[in-house]
């Protein structure tokens, strides 16, 4: 009985985790493409700002952070609090 319950709980947990992981790794919609119909007057602005932030992170912030990690010693990087 205990093994059956344990197996059922493990199976349910795995199914939930797989669903959440699939949602987290789904690609975002391109600007103008809505995953669902909703009434949000700021949606176009939010989509453009989201894509701007993605590009800013990819082309500016990530390279700066990598350069900082290469030149700054570990105590300096980890001592900032």
C-alpha atoms as a PDB file:
ATOM      1  CA  UNK A   1       0.000   0.000   0.000  1.00  0.00           C
ATOM      2  CA  UNK A   2       2.779   2.420   0.939  1.00  0.00           C
ATOM      3  CA  UNK A   3       4.687   1.641  -2.250  1.00  0.00           C
ATOM      4  CA  UNK A   4       1.555   2.239  -4.319  1.00  0.00           C
ATOM      5  CA  UNK A   5       0.913   5.600  -2.647  1.00  0.00           C
ATOM      6  CA  UNK A   6       4.552   6.601  -3.031  1.00  0.00           C
ATOM      7  CA  UNK A   7       4.470   5.694  -6.710  1.00  0.00           C
ATOM      8  CA  UNK A   8       1.242   7.646  -7.220  1.00  0.00           C
ATOM      9  CA  UNK A   9       2.646  10.730  -5.486  1.00  0.00           C
ATOM     10  CA  UNK A  10       5.879  10.510  -7.479  1.00  0.00           C
ATOM     11  CA  UNK A  11       3.964  10.171 -10.735  1.00  0.00           C
ATOM     12  CA  UNK A  12       1.720  13.133  -9.903  1.00  0.00           C
ATOM     13  CA  UNK A  13       4.721  15.245  -8.932  1.00  0.00           C
ATOM     14  CA  UNK A  14       6.549  14.358 -12.148  1.00  0.00           C
ATOM     15  CA  UNK A  15       3.509  15.241 -14.243  1.00  0.00           C
ATOM     16  CA  UNK A  16       3.161  18.634 -12.539  1.00  0.00           C
ATOM     17  CA  UNK A  17       6.883  19.365 -12.814  1.00  0.00           C
ATOM     18  CA  UNK A  18       6.914  18.489 -16.515  1.00  0.00           C
ATOM     19  CA  UNK A  19       3.980  20.821 -17.155  1.00  0.00           C
ATOM     20  CA  UNK A  20       5.613  23.701 -15.297  1.00  0.00           C
ATOM     21  CA  UNK A  21       8.958  23.131 -17.005  1.00  0.00           C
ATOM     22  CA  UNK A  22       7.292  23.059 -20.421  1.00  0.00           C
ATOM     23  CA  UNK A  23       5.585  26.374 -19.690  1.00  0.00           C
ATOM     24  CA  UNK A  24       8.806  27.976 -18.417  1.00  0.00           C
ATOM     25  CA  UNK A  25      10.767  26.980 -21.523  1.00  0.00           C
ATOM     26  CA  UNK A  26       8.117  27.883 -24.058  1.00  0.00           C
ATOM     27  CA  UNK A  27       9.313  30.630 -26.400  1.00  0.00           C
ATOM     28  CA  UNK A  28       7.674  34.011 -25.887  1.00  0.00           C
ATOM     29  CA  UNK A  29       5.302  35.308 -28.490  1.00  0.00           C
ATOM     30  CA  UNK A  30       6.605  37.769 -31.034  1.00  0.00           C
ATOM     31  CA  UNK A  31       5.277  41.311 -30.765  1.00  0.00           C
ATOM     32  CA  UNK A  32       1.745  41.460 -32.085  1.00  0.00           C
ATOM     33  CA  UNK A  33       1.099  37.747 -31.519  1.00  0.00           C
ATOM     34  CA  UNK A  34      -1.088  37.055 -28.547  1.00  0.00           C
ATOM     35  CA  UNK A  35      -1.167  33.675 -26.834  1.00  0.00           C
ATOM     36  CA  UNK A  36      -4.685  34.432 -25.688  1.00  0.00           C
ATOM     37  CA  UNK A  37      -7.276  37.090 -26.311  1.00  0.00           C
ATOM     38  CA  UNK A  38      -7.262  39.693 -23.557  1.00  0.00           C
ATOM     39  CA  UNK A  39      -8.040  43.335 -23.118  1.00  0.00           C
ATOM     40  CA  UNK A  40      -4.863  45.102 -22.047  1.00  0.00           C
ATOM     41  CA  UNK A  41      -4.408  48.641 -23.348  1.00  0.00           C
ATOM     42  CA  UNK A  42      -0.687  48.561 -22.513  1.00  0.00           C
ATOM     43  CA  UNK A  43       0.016  45.199 -24.175  1.00  0.00           C
ATOM     44  CA  UNK A  44       1.712  46.646 -27.294  1.00  0.00           C
ATOM     45  CA  UNK A  45       4.004  48.823 -25.159  1.00  0.00           C
ATOM     46  CA  UNK A  46       4.747  45.939 -22.778  1.00  0.00           C
ATOM     47  CA  UNK A  47       5.649  43.643 -25.672  1.00  0.00           C
ATOM     48  CA  UNK A  48       8.011  46.171 -27.232  1.00  0.00           C
ATOM     49  CA  UNK A  49       9.619  46.873 -23.844  1.00  0.00           C
ATOM     50  CA  UNK A  50      10.010  43.135 -23.197  1.00  0.00           C
ATOM     51  CA  UNK A  51      11.822  42.606 -26.495  1.00  0.00           C
ATOM     52  CA  UNK A  52      13.962  45.720 -25.920  1.00  0.00           C
ATOM     53  CA  UNK A  53      14.984  44.365 -22.509  1.00  0.00           C
ATOM     54  CA  UNK A  54      15.825  40.967 -24.015  1.00  0.00           C
ATOM     55  CA  UNK A  55      18.099  42.565 -26.636  1.00  0.00           C
ATOM     56  CA  UNK A  56      19.660  44.924 -24.074  1.00  0.00           C
ATOM     57  CA  UNK A  57      20.428  41.974 -21.818  1.00  0.00           C
ATOM     58  CA  UNK A  58      21.828  39.879 -24.662  1.00  0.00           C
ATOM     59  CA  UNK A  59      23.995  42.514 -26.363  1.00  0.00           C
ATOM     60  CA  UNK A  60      25.012  44.830 -23.491  1.00  0.00           C
ATOM     61  CA  UNK A  61      24.440  43.593 -19.961  1.00  0.00           C
ATOM     62  CA  UNK A  62      25.509  39.977 -20.405  1.00  0.00           C
ATOM     63  CA  UNK A  63      28.853  40.849 -22.087  1.00  0.00           C
ATOM     64  CA  UNK A  64      29.564  43.473 -19.427  1.00  0.00           C
ATOM     65  CA  UNK A  65      28.845  40.953 -16.668  1.00  0.00           C
ATOM     66  CA  UNK A  66      31.095  38.363 -18.337  1.00  0.00           C
ATOM     67  CA  UNK A  67      33.928  40.888 -18.618  1.00  0.00           C
ATOM     68  CA  UNK A  68      33.504  41.902 -14.990  1.00  0.00           C
ATOM     69  CA  UNK A  69      33.595  38.247 -13.929  1.00  0.00           C
ATOM     70  CA  UNK A  70      36.854  37.754 -15.846  1.00  0.00           C
ATOM     71  CA  UNK A  71      38.714  40.779 -14.440  1.00  0.00           C
ATOM     72  CA  UNK A  72      37.361  41.057 -10.903  1.00  0.00           C
ATOM     73  CA  UNK A  73      38.813  38.704  -8.300  1.00  0.00           C
ATOM     74  CA  UNK A  74      36.405  36.393  -6.475  1.00  0.00           C
ATOM     75  CA  UNK A  75      36.536  38.259  -3.117  1.00  0.00           C
ATOM     76  CA  UNK A  76      35.548  41.489  -4.879  1.00  0.00           C
ATOM     77  CA  UNK A  77      32.671  39.819  -6.759  1.00  0.00           C
ATOM     78  CA  UNK A  78      31.332  38.002  -3.707  1.00  0.00           C
ATOM     79  CA  UNK A  79      32.021  40.725  -1.137  1.00  0.00           C
ATOM     80  CA  UNK A  80      29.487  43.237  -2.423  1.00  0.00           C
ATOM     81  CA  UNK A  81      26.752  41.927  -0.191  1.00  0.00           C
END
